[in-house]
Amino acid sequence: MKGVIELMLMKLGMKKKAEYKTDVLKNYMHPGRQAQIIYDGVRIGEIGEVHPIVRKNYEIGERAIIAVIDTPEMIKFATFNRKFQGIARFPAVTRDISFVLPSNITAYEIEKVLEQRGGKILESYRLFDIYEGEHIQKGFKSMAYSLVFRHPDKTMEEGEINAAMNKILNGLSTIGAELRK
C-alpha cells in the first residue's frame, strides 16, 4: 500500500518523499501497525492494517491494509506541470548495498540518508530485502537496497561512484547501520 501511495503522489507531481509517523491511533486500525502519512509537514492521511475486530465485524477474512487519504489536503501539493526528459544518453551504474541496523530504524530514515548523501548522481534506489531472524542479532534487521547512479552529461568513472558510496556508507553509520559481511 505504501508503494501505491508513493506512486499516486508521484503521478500528482508531488516530488518530495512522504514521511510515515507511527504516533497515530485510529481505533479501526491494528495498534502498532498504522502510521500517519505526512507530506511536507502536513498530514495527508493514514495507512495501516485493519483491526482484527473490524475485520471480523465486516467479515473480511484475510489481513487487509487500508489507506485513508485527505484529498483536499493532498491536492494542495499537487501540480500538473510536467517536464518530460528524453532517454538517457549515458549508461547507469547499479550497486547493491546490504547492511545491519537496529530494528527501530525505518526505511524512511535510511532513504533520507541515501538522498542526502547520494548527491545528484544518485538517480534512484529500491529496497529489495528486509530480513530479521537467524544469523541476525536480536533487536536488529538486515536491509538491502539497489542504488542506480547516472551522470547526466558523461559516462561515470569508478572513482565518482566509490566516492558517492563512501558518503552513503558514512551517513548510514551515523544512524547505526553497519555494512553486512
N, C-alpha and C. Protein backbone atom coordinates (compact mmCIF):
# COMPACT_ATOMS: atom_id res chain seq x y z
N MET A 1 0.83 -1.19 0.00
CA MET A 1 0.00 0.00 0.00
C MET A 1 0.88 1.26 0.00
N LYS A 2 2.00 1.19 0.73
CA LYS A 2 2.90 2.34 0.75
C LYS A 2 3.38 2.66 -0.66
N GLY A 3 3.69 1.64 -1.43
CA GLY A 3 4.13 1.84 -2.81
C GLY A 3 3.04 2.46 -3.67
N VAL A 4 1.80 2.06 -3.45
CA VAL A 4 0.67 2.62 -4.19
C VAL A 4 0.52 4.11 -3.87
N ILE A 5 0.65 4.44 -2.59
CA ILE A 5 0.55 5.84 -2.19
C ILE A 5 1.67 6.66 -2.82
N GLU A 6 2.89 6.14 -2.77
CA GLU A 6 4.02 6.88 -3.33
C GLU A 6 3.89 7.04 -4.85
N LEU A 7 3.37 6.04 -5.54
CA LEU A 7 3.13 6.15 -6.97
C LEU A 7 2.07 7.22 -7.25
N MET A 8 1.01 7.23 -6.45
CA MET A 8 -0.05 8.23 -6.62
C MET A 8 0.52 9.64 -6.42
N LEU A 9 1.33 9.83 -5.38
CA LEU A 9 1.92 11.14 -5.14
C LEU A 9 2.80 11.56 -6.31
N MET A 10 3.58 10.62 -6.82
CA MET A 10 4.45 10.91 -7.96
C MET A 10 3.61 11.31 -9.18
N LYS A 11 2.53 10.59 -9.44
CA LYS A 11 1.66 10.89 -10.58
C LYS A 11 0.99 12.26 -10.44
N LEU A 12 0.81 12.71 -9.20
CA LEU A 12 0.22 14.02 -8.96
C LEU A 12 1.27 15.13 -8.98
N GLY A 13 2.50 14.77 -9.29
CA GLY A 13 3.57 15.76 -9.39
C GLY A 13 4.13 16.18 -8.04
N MET A 14 3.90 15.37 -7.02
CA MET A 14 4.40 15.65 -5.68
C MET A 14 5.77 15.00 -5.55
N LYS A 15 6.82 15.78 -5.70
CA LYS A 15 8.16 15.25 -5.82
C LYS A 15 8.84 14.88 -4.51
N LYS A 16 8.41 15.47 -3.41
CA LYS A 16 9.03 15.16 -2.12
C LYS A 16 8.57 13.79 -1.64
N LYS A 17 9.37 13.20 -0.76
CA LYS A 17 9.04 11.90 -0.18
C LYS A 17 8.03 12.08 0.94
N ALA A 18 7.08 11.20 1.00
CA ALA A 18 6.15 11.20 2.13
C ALA A 18 6.86 10.60 3.33
N GLU A 19 6.48 11.05 4.49
CA GLU A 19 7.03 10.53 5.74
C GLU A 19 5.91 9.77 6.44
N TYR A 20 6.27 8.72 7.16
CA TYR A 20 5.28 7.91 7.85
C TYR A 20 5.58 7.95 9.34
N LYS A 21 4.67 8.56 10.11
CA LYS A 21 4.86 8.69 11.55
C LYS A 21 3.90 7.76 12.27
N THR A 22 4.44 6.99 13.18
CA THR A 22 3.64 5.96 13.85
C THR A 22 2.95 6.45 15.11
N ASP A 23 2.86 7.75 15.31
CA ASP A 23 2.20 8.28 16.50
C ASP A 23 0.70 8.54 16.28
N VAL A 24 0.07 7.66 15.53
CA VAL A 24 -1.37 7.77 15.27
C VAL A 24 -2.07 6.60 15.94
N LEU A 25 -3.28 6.80 16.38
CA LEU A 25 -4.03 5.70 16.97
C LEU A 25 -5.47 5.78 16.52
N LYS A 26 -5.76 5.15 15.39
CA LYS A 26 -7.12 5.08 14.87
C LYS A 26 -7.70 3.74 15.33
N ASN A 27 -8.88 3.76 15.92
CA ASN A 27 -9.44 2.54 16.51
C ASN A 27 -9.85 1.50 15.47
N TYR A 28 -9.99 1.86 14.22
CA TYR A 28 -10.34 0.88 13.19
C TYR A 28 -9.11 0.21 12.58
N MET A 29 -7.91 0.64 13.04
CA MET A 29 -6.67 0.04 12.56
C MET A 29 -5.98 -0.69 13.70
N HIS A 30 -5.22 -1.69 13.33
CA HIS A 30 -4.47 -2.50 14.29
C HIS A 30 -3.46 -1.64 15.03
N PRO A 31 -3.46 -1.67 16.38
CA PRO A 31 -2.47 -0.89 17.12
C PRO A 31 -1.05 -1.37 16.77
N GLY A 32 -0.16 -0.45 16.54
CA GLY A 32 1.22 -0.80 16.20
C GLY A 32 1.44 -1.08 14.73
N ARG A 33 0.39 -1.10 13.95
CA ARG A 33 0.50 -1.35 12.51
C ARG A 33 -0.22 -0.27 11.74
N GLN A 34 0.05 0.97 12.12
CA GLN A 34 -0.60 2.11 11.47
C GLN A 34 0.34 3.30 11.53
N ALA A 35 0.16 4.22 10.60
CA ALA A 35 1.01 5.41 10.55
C ALA A 35 0.27 6.55 9.87
N GLN A 36 0.65 7.77 10.26
CA GLN A 36 0.18 8.96 9.56
C GLN A 36 1.02 9.13 8.31
N ILE A 37 0.43 9.63 7.25
CA ILE A 37 1.17 9.96 6.03
C ILE A 37 1.38 11.46 6.07
N ILE A 38 2.64 11.88 6.14
CA ILE A 38 2.99 13.29 6.25
C ILE A 38 3.69 13.70 4.96
N TYR A 39 3.23 14.79 4.35
CA TYR A 39 3.86 15.32 3.16
C TYR A 39 4.19 16.78 3.41
N ASP A 40 5.46 17.12 3.33
CA ASP A 40 5.92 18.49 3.53
C ASP A 40 5.39 19.07 4.84
N GLY A 41 5.39 18.23 5.90
CA GLY A 41 4.98 18.67 7.22
C GLY A 41 3.48 18.65 7.48
N VAL A 42 2.69 18.24 6.50
CA VAL A 42 1.22 18.24 6.63
C VAL A 42 0.70 16.80 6.57
N ARG A 43 -0.22 16.47 7.49
CA ARG A 43 -0.83 15.14 7.48
C ARG A 43 -1.81 15.06 6.31
N ILE A 44 -1.56 14.12 5.41
CA ILE A 44 -2.46 13.95 4.27
C ILE A 44 -3.23 12.64 4.33
N GLY A 45 -3.05 11.87 5.43
CA GLY A 45 -3.79 10.63 5.56
C GLY A 45 -3.17 9.66 6.54
N GLU A 46 -3.73 8.45 6.55
CA GLU A 46 -3.22 7.37 7.38
C GLU A 46 -3.15 6.09 6.56
N ILE A 47 -2.29 5.21 7.00
CA ILE A 47 -2.15 3.89 6.38
C ILE A 47 -2.01 2.87 7.50
N GLY A 48 -2.57 1.69 7.30
CA GLY A 48 -2.42 0.68 8.33
C GLY A 48 -3.21 -0.59 8.04
N GLU A 49 -3.04 -1.52 8.94
CA GLU A 49 -3.75 -2.79 8.85
C GLU A 49 -5.10 -2.65 9.56
N VAL A 50 -6.14 -3.18 8.95
CA VAL A 50 -7.47 -3.14 9.55
C VAL A 50 -7.46 -3.95 10.84
N HIS A 51 -8.04 -3.38 11.89
CA HIS A 51 -8.08 -4.02 13.20
C HIS A 51 -8.82 -5.36 13.09
N PRO A 52 -8.34 -6.41 13.79
CA PRO A 52 -8.99 -7.73 13.72
C PRO A 52 -10.48 -7.70 14.09
N ILE A 53 -10.87 -6.88 15.04
CA ILE A 53 -12.29 -6.80 15.42
C ILE A 53 -13.11 -6.21 14.27
N VAL A 54 -12.58 -5.20 13.61
CA VAL A 54 -13.26 -4.60 12.46
C VAL A 54 -13.35 -5.61 11.33
N ARG A 55 -12.25 -6.35 11.09
CA ARG A 55 -12.27 -7.39 10.04
C ARG A 55 -13.35 -8.42 10.33
N LYS A 56 -13.44 -8.84 11.56
CA LYS A 56 -14.44 -9.85 11.94
C LYS A 56 -15.85 -9.28 11.76
N ASN A 57 -16.07 -8.05 12.20
CA ASN A 57 -17.37 -7.40 12.11
C ASN A 57 -17.84 -7.29 10.66
N TYR A 58 -16.92 -6.99 9.75
CA TYR A 58 -17.27 -6.84 8.34
C TYR A 58 -16.96 -8.08 7.51
N GLU A 59 -16.64 -9.16 8.19
CA GLU A 59 -16.36 -10.46 7.56
C GLU A 59 -15.27 -10.37 6.49
N ILE A 60 -14.21 -9.65 6.84
CA ILE A 60 -13.02 -9.59 5.97
C ILE A 60 -12.12 -10.71 6.45
N GLY A 61 -11.98 -11.76 5.67
CA GLY A 61 -11.28 -12.96 6.11
C GLY A 61 -9.78 -12.81 6.29
N GLU A 62 -9.13 -12.12 5.40
CA GLU A 62 -7.67 -12.01 5.43
C GLU A 62 -7.24 -10.68 6.03
N ARG A 63 -5.94 -10.62 6.37
CA ARG A 63 -5.39 -9.33 6.80
C ARG A 63 -5.60 -8.34 5.66
N ALA A 64 -5.98 -7.13 6.01
CA ALA A 64 -6.23 -6.11 5.00
C ALA A 64 -5.51 -4.82 5.39
N ILE A 65 -4.91 -4.20 4.41
CA ILE A 65 -4.22 -2.93 4.60
C ILE A 65 -5.06 -1.84 3.92
N ILE A 66 -5.23 -0.72 4.59
CA ILE A 66 -6.01 0.37 4.01
C ILE A 66 -5.22 1.68 4.11
N ALA A 67 -5.61 2.59 3.26
CA ALA A 67 -5.09 3.95 3.32
C ALA A 67 -6.29 4.88 3.28
N VAL A 68 -6.27 5.88 4.15
CA VAL A 68 -7.30 6.91 4.17
C VAL A 68 -6.59 8.20 3.79
N ILE A 69 -7.00 8.78 2.67
CA ILE A 69 -6.33 9.97 2.14
C ILE A 69 -7.23 11.18 2.31
N ASP A 70 -6.67 12.25 2.85
CA ASP A 70 -7.37 13.53 2.98
C ASP A 70 -7.14 14.27 1.67
N THR A 71 -8.02 14.04 0.71
CA THR A 71 -7.84 14.57 -0.64
C THR A 71 -7.70 16.09 -0.68
N PRO A 72 -8.52 16.87 0.03
CA PRO A 72 -8.32 18.33 -0.03
C PRO A 72 -6.92 18.76 0.44
N GLU A 73 -6.39 18.10 1.47
CA GLU A 73 -5.04 18.45 1.95
C GLU A 73 -3.98 18.03 0.92
N MET A 74 -4.15 16.85 0.33
CA MET A 74 -3.17 16.33 -0.62
C MET A 74 -3.15 17.17 -1.89
N ILE A 75 -4.31 17.55 -2.37
CA ILE A 75 -4.42 18.28 -3.63
C ILE A 75 -3.71 19.63 -3.58
N LYS A 76 -3.56 20.20 -2.38
CA LYS A 76 -2.85 21.47 -2.23
C LYS A 76 -1.41 21.37 -2.73
N PHE A 77 -0.85 20.16 -2.70
CA PHE A 77 0.54 19.96 -3.10
C PHE A 77 0.68 19.47 -4.54
N ALA A 78 -0.42 19.09 -5.14
CA ALA A 78 -0.38 18.51 -6.49
C ALA A 78 -0.04 19.57 -7.53
N THR A 79 0.65 19.13 -8.55
CA THR A 79 0.96 20.01 -9.68
C THR A 79 0.79 19.20 -10.95
N PHE A 80 0.27 19.84 -11.93
CA PHE A 80 0.06 19.11 -13.17
C PHE A 80 0.99 19.62 -14.27
N ASN A 81 1.98 20.40 -13.86
CA ASN A 81 3.03 20.82 -14.80
C ASN A 81 3.98 19.64 -14.99
N ARG A 82 4.16 19.24 -16.19
CA ARG A 82 5.03 18.10 -16.47
C ARG A 82 6.17 18.52 -17.37
N LYS A 83 7.34 18.07 -17.02
CA LYS A 83 8.51 18.28 -17.86
C LYS A 83 9.07 16.89 -18.17
N PHE A 84 9.04 16.52 -19.41
CA PHE A 84 9.49 15.20 -19.79
C PHE A 84 10.96 15.25 -20.18
N GLN A 85 11.67 14.19 -19.83
CA GLN A 85 13.07 14.09 -20.18
C GLN A 85 13.22 13.03 -21.27
N GLY A 86 14.19 13.26 -22.11
CA GLY A 86 14.47 12.27 -23.15
C GLY A 86 15.16 11.05 -22.56
N ILE A 87 15.40 10.09 -23.40
CA ILE A 87 16.09 8.88 -22.98
C ILE A 87 17.52 9.25 -22.61
N ALA A 88 18.00 8.68 -21.51
CA ALA A 88 19.35 8.99 -21.03
C ALA A 88 20.39 8.60 -22.08
N ARG A 89 21.37 9.50 -22.26
CA ARG A 89 22.41 9.25 -23.25
C ARG A 89 23.59 8.48 -22.68
N PHE A 90 23.72 8.49 -21.35
CA PHE A 90 24.87 7.84 -20.73
C PHE A 90 24.41 6.68 -19.86
N PRO A 91 25.24 5.65 -19.74
CA PRO A 91 24.82 4.44 -19.01
C PRO A 91 24.71 4.66 -17.50
N ALA A 92 23.82 3.89 -16.90
CA ALA A 92 23.65 3.90 -15.45
C ALA A 92 24.56 2.84 -14.85
N VAL A 93 24.91 3.03 -13.60
CA VAL A 93 25.70 2.06 -12.85
C VAL A 93 24.88 1.67 -11.63
N THR A 94 24.73 0.38 -11.41
CA THR A 94 23.94 -0.12 -10.29
C THR A 94 24.86 -0.75 -9.24
N ARG A 95 24.59 -0.42 -7.99
CA ARG A 95 25.31 -1.02 -6.86
C ARG A 95 24.26 -1.50 -5.86
N ASP A 96 24.46 -2.69 -5.35
CA ASP A 96 23.60 -3.20 -4.28
C ASP A 96 24.35 -3.04 -2.96
N ILE A 97 23.60 -2.70 -1.93
CA ILE A 97 24.19 -2.49 -0.62
C ILE A 97 23.30 -3.18 0.41
N SER A 98 23.94 -3.91 1.33
CA SER A 98 23.22 -4.62 2.38
C SER A 98 23.86 -4.26 3.71
N PHE A 99 23.04 -3.96 4.70
CA PHE A 99 23.57 -3.55 5.98
C PHE A 99 22.67 -4.04 7.11
N VAL A 100 23.24 -4.08 8.30
CA VAL A 100 22.53 -4.48 9.51
C VAL A 100 22.36 -3.23 10.37
N LEU A 101 21.18 -3.06 10.94
CA LEU A 101 20.90 -1.88 11.74
C LEU A 101 19.86 -2.20 12.79
N PRO A 102 19.73 -1.35 13.81
CA PRO A 102 18.70 -1.58 14.83
C PRO A 102 17.30 -1.65 14.20
N SER A 103 16.46 -2.51 14.74
CA SER A 103 15.12 -2.74 14.19
C SER A 103 14.24 -1.51 14.21
N ASN A 104 14.52 -0.55 15.09
CA ASN A 104 13.65 0.62 15.19
C ASN A 104 13.94 1.68 14.12
N ILE A 105 15.00 1.52 13.35
CA ILE A 105 15.31 2.46 12.27
C ILE A 105 14.39 2.14 11.09
N THR A 106 13.71 3.17 10.56
CA THR A 106 12.74 2.96 9.48
C THR A 106 13.38 3.12 8.11
N ALA A 107 12.69 2.60 7.11
CA ALA A 107 13.14 2.76 5.73
C ALA A 107 13.18 4.24 5.36
N TYR A 108 12.26 5.01 5.90
CA TYR A 108 12.24 6.45 5.63
C TYR A 108 13.55 7.10 6.08
N GLU A 109 14.04 6.73 7.26
CA GLU A 109 15.30 7.29 7.76
C GLU A 109 16.47 6.90 6.87
N ILE A 110 16.47 5.64 6.42
CA ILE A 110 17.53 5.17 5.51
C ILE A 110 17.47 5.96 4.21
N GLU A 111 16.29 6.13 3.67
CA GLU A 111 16.13 6.79 2.37
C GLU A 111 16.49 8.28 2.45
N LYS A 112 16.27 8.91 3.59
CA LYS A 112 16.72 10.29 3.77
C LYS A 112 18.24 10.37 3.65
N VAL A 113 18.93 9.41 4.26
CA VAL A 113 20.40 9.37 4.16
C VAL A 113 20.82 9.15 2.71
N LEU A 114 20.17 8.22 2.03
CA LEU A 114 20.52 7.94 0.62
C LEU A 114 20.38 9.20 -0.22
N GLU A 115 19.27 9.91 -0.04
CA GLU A 115 19.03 11.12 -0.84
C GLU A 115 20.02 12.23 -0.50
N GLN A 116 20.29 12.41 0.78
CA GLN A 116 21.21 13.47 1.20
C GLN A 116 22.64 13.18 0.77
N ARG A 117 23.06 11.93 0.91
CA ARG A 117 24.46 11.58 0.67
C ARG A 117 24.75 11.13 -0.75
N GLY A 118 23.73 10.69 -1.48
CA GLY A 118 23.95 10.17 -2.83
C GLY A 118 24.25 11.25 -3.85
N GLY A 119 23.89 12.47 -3.56
CA GLY A 119 24.16 13.58 -4.46
C GLY A 119 23.31 13.53 -5.73
N LYS A 120 23.68 14.36 -6.67
CA LYS A 120 22.92 14.49 -7.92
C LYS A 120 23.06 13.27 -8.81
N ILE A 121 24.10 12.46 -8.58
CA ILE A 121 24.30 11.30 -9.46
C ILE A 121 23.49 10.08 -9.02
N LEU A 122 22.90 10.12 -7.81
CA LEU A 122 22.03 9.02 -7.39
C LEU A 122 20.68 9.21 -8.07
N GLU A 123 20.44 8.41 -9.09
CA GLU A 123 19.22 8.54 -9.89
C GLU A 123 18.01 7.94 -9.19
N SER A 124 18.22 6.77 -8.58
CA SER A 124 17.11 6.10 -7.90
C SER A 124 17.65 5.06 -6.93
N TYR A 125 16.76 4.56 -6.10
CA TYR A 125 17.10 3.47 -5.17
C TYR A 125 15.84 2.65 -4.96
N ARG A 126 16.05 1.40 -4.56
CA ARG A 126 14.92 0.50 -4.36
C ARG A 126 15.25 -0.47 -3.24
N LEU A 127 14.40 -0.52 -2.23
CA LEU A 127 14.53 -1.50 -1.16
C LEU A 127 14.11 -2.86 -1.72
N PHE A 128 15.00 -3.86 -1.63
CA PHE A 128 14.59 -5.16 -2.16
C PHE A 128 14.64 -6.28 -1.14
N ASP A 129 15.10 -6.00 0.09
CA ASP A 129 15.10 -7.07 1.09
C ASP A 129 15.14 -6.49 2.50
N ILE A 130 14.31 -7.05 3.37
CA ILE A 130 14.37 -6.81 4.81
C ILE A 130 14.34 -8.18 5.45
N TYR A 131 15.29 -8.43 6.35
CA TYR A 131 15.36 -9.74 6.98
C TYR A 131 15.63 -9.59 8.47
N GLU A 132 14.84 -10.29 9.26
CA GLU A 132 15.06 -10.42 10.70
C GLU A 132 14.95 -11.91 11.01
N GLY A 133 15.88 -12.43 11.74
CA GLY A 133 15.80 -13.85 12.06
C GLY A 133 17.17 -14.44 12.28
N GLU A 134 17.27 -15.71 11.91
CA GLU A 134 18.51 -16.45 12.10
C GLU A 134 19.69 -15.71 11.46
N HIS A 135 20.81 -15.70 12.13
CA HIS A 135 22.06 -15.05 11.70
C HIS A 135 22.03 -13.53 11.86
N ILE A 136 20.95 -12.97 12.37
CA ILE A 136 20.88 -11.54 12.64
C ILE A 136 20.61 -11.38 14.14
N GLN A 137 21.42 -10.57 14.80
CA GLN A 137 21.29 -10.35 16.23
C GLN A 137 19.89 -9.86 16.59
N LYS A 138 19.37 -10.34 17.73
CA LYS A 138 18.04 -9.93 18.19
C LYS A 138 18.03 -8.42 18.38
N GLY A 139 16.95 -7.76 17.92
CA GLY A 139 16.84 -6.31 18.00
C GLY A 139 17.42 -5.60 16.79
N PHE A 140 17.89 -6.38 15.81
CA PHE A 140 18.47 -5.84 14.60
C PHE A 140 17.79 -6.43 13.37
N LYS A 141 17.98 -5.81 12.23
CA LYS A 141 17.45 -6.32 10.97
C LYS A 141 18.47 -6.04 9.87
N SER A 142 18.33 -6.76 8.80
CA SER A 142 19.16 -6.55 7.62
C SER A 142 18.28 -5.92 6.55
N MET A 143 18.81 -4.88 5.89
CA MET A 143 18.09 -4.26 4.79
C MET A 143 19.02 -4.19 3.59
N ALA A 144 18.46 -4.35 2.42
CA ALA A 144 19.27 -4.29 1.20
C ALA A 144 18.59 -3.38 0.18
N TYR A 145 19.39 -2.52 -0.43
CA TYR A 145 18.91 -1.57 -1.43
C TYR A 145 19.71 -1.74 -2.71
N SER A 146 19.06 -1.49 -3.81
CA SER A 146 19.71 -1.38 -5.10
C SER A 146 19.77 0.11 -5.43
N LEU A 147 20.98 0.61 -5.70
CA LEU A 147 21.19 2.03 -5.99
C LEU A 147 21.57 2.19 -7.45
N VAL A 148 21.00 3.17 -8.12
CA VAL A 148 21.31 3.44 -9.52
C VAL A 148 21.93 4.83 -9.61
N PHE A 149 23.14 4.88 -10.16
CA PHE A 149 23.87 6.14 -10.34
C PHE A 149 23.95 6.44 -11.83
N ARG A 150 23.82 7.74 -12.15
CA ARG A 150 23.97 8.16 -13.54
C ARG A 150 24.31 9.65 -13.56
N HIS A 151 25.28 9.99 -14.36
CA HIS A 151 25.62 11.41 -14.56
C HIS A 151 24.90 11.85 -15.83
N PRO A 152 24.28 13.04 -15.82
CA PRO A 152 23.51 13.45 -17.00
C PRO A 152 24.38 13.86 -18.20
N ASP A 153 25.66 14.17 -17.95
CA ASP A 153 26.48 14.73 -19.01
C ASP A 153 27.66 13.88 -19.44
N LYS A 154 27.87 12.74 -18.80
CA LYS A 154 29.04 11.93 -19.16
C LYS A 154 28.91 10.52 -18.60
N THR A 155 29.78 9.66 -19.09
CA THR A 155 29.88 8.32 -18.53
C THR A 155 30.64 8.43 -17.21
N MET A 156 30.09 7.82 -16.19
CA MET A 156 30.70 7.93 -14.86
C MET A 156 31.96 7.10 -14.74
N GLU A 157 32.85 7.56 -13.89
CA GLU A 157 34.08 6.83 -13.61
C GLU A 157 33.93 6.13 -12.26
N GLU A 158 34.69 5.06 -12.08
CA GLU A 158 34.63 4.26 -10.86
C GLU A 158 34.87 5.11 -9.61
N GLY A 159 35.79 6.05 -9.68
CA GLY A 159 36.10 6.91 -8.53
C GLY A 159 34.91 7.74 -8.08
N GLU A 160 34.10 8.23 -9.02
CA GLU A 160 32.92 9.01 -8.68
C GLU A 160 31.89 8.16 -7.94
N ILE A 161 31.73 6.94 -8.44
CA ILE A 161 30.76 6.03 -7.83
C ILE A 161 31.23 5.64 -6.43
N ASN A 162 32.52 5.32 -6.30
CA ASN A 162 33.07 4.94 -4.99
C ASN A 162 32.94 6.09 -4.00
N ALA A 163 33.18 7.31 -4.44
CA ALA A 163 33.06 8.47 -3.55
C ALA A 163 31.62 8.62 -3.05
N ALA A 164 30.66 8.46 -3.95
CA ALA A 164 29.24 8.55 -3.56
C ALA A 164 28.88 7.42 -2.60
N MET A 165 29.36 6.22 -2.88
CA MET A 165 29.08 5.08 -2.00
C MET A 165 29.68 5.31 -0.61
N ASN A 166 30.90 5.86 -0.54
CA ASN A 166 31.53 6.14 0.76
C ASN A 166 30.74 7.17 1.55
N LYS A 167 30.23 8.20 0.88
CA LYS A 167 29.40 9.21 1.55
C LYS A 167 28.14 8.56 2.11
N ILE A 168 27.54 7.69 1.32
CA ILE A 168 26.33 6.99 1.77
C ILE A 168 26.64 6.11 2.96
N LEU A 169 27.71 5.32 2.89
CA LEU A 169 28.08 4.43 4.00
C LEU A 169 28.38 5.21 5.27
N ASN A 170 29.07 6.34 5.14
CA ASN A 170 29.35 7.18 6.31
C ASN A 170 28.06 7.71 6.92
N GLY A 171 27.12 8.12 6.08
CA GLY A 171 25.83 8.60 6.57
C GLY A 171 25.04 7.51 7.27
N LEU A 172 25.08 6.31 6.70
CA LEU A 172 24.36 5.19 7.31
C LEU A 172 24.96 4.82 8.66
N SER A 173 26.28 4.92 8.77
CA SER A 173 26.93 4.57 10.05
C SER A 173 26.51 5.53 11.15
N THR A 174 26.17 6.77 10.82
CA THR A 174 25.75 7.74 11.84
C THR A 174 24.39 7.38 12.45
N ILE A 175 23.60 6.57 11.76
CA ILE A 175 22.31 6.15 12.34
C ILE A 175 22.35 4.69 12.83
N GLY A 176 23.56 4.13 12.89
CA GLY A 176 23.72 2.80 13.47
C GLY A 176 23.74 1.64 12.51
N ALA A 177 23.86 1.91 11.23
CA ALA A 177 23.90 0.83 10.23
C ALA A 177 25.35 0.40 9.98
N GLU A 178 25.55 -0.90 9.84
CA GLU A 178 26.86 -1.45 9.52
C GLU A 178 26.72 -2.29 8.26
N LEU A 179 27.71 -2.16 7.37
CA LEU A 179 27.73 -2.94 6.13
C LEU A 179 27.68 -4.42 6.49
N ARG A 180 26.81 -5.16 5.84
CA ARG A 180 26.68 -6.59 6.11
C ARG A 180 27.79 -7.35 5.43
N LYS A 181 28.39 -8.25 6.18
CA LYS A 181 29.53 -9.02 5.66
C LYS A 181 29.09 -10.37 5.16
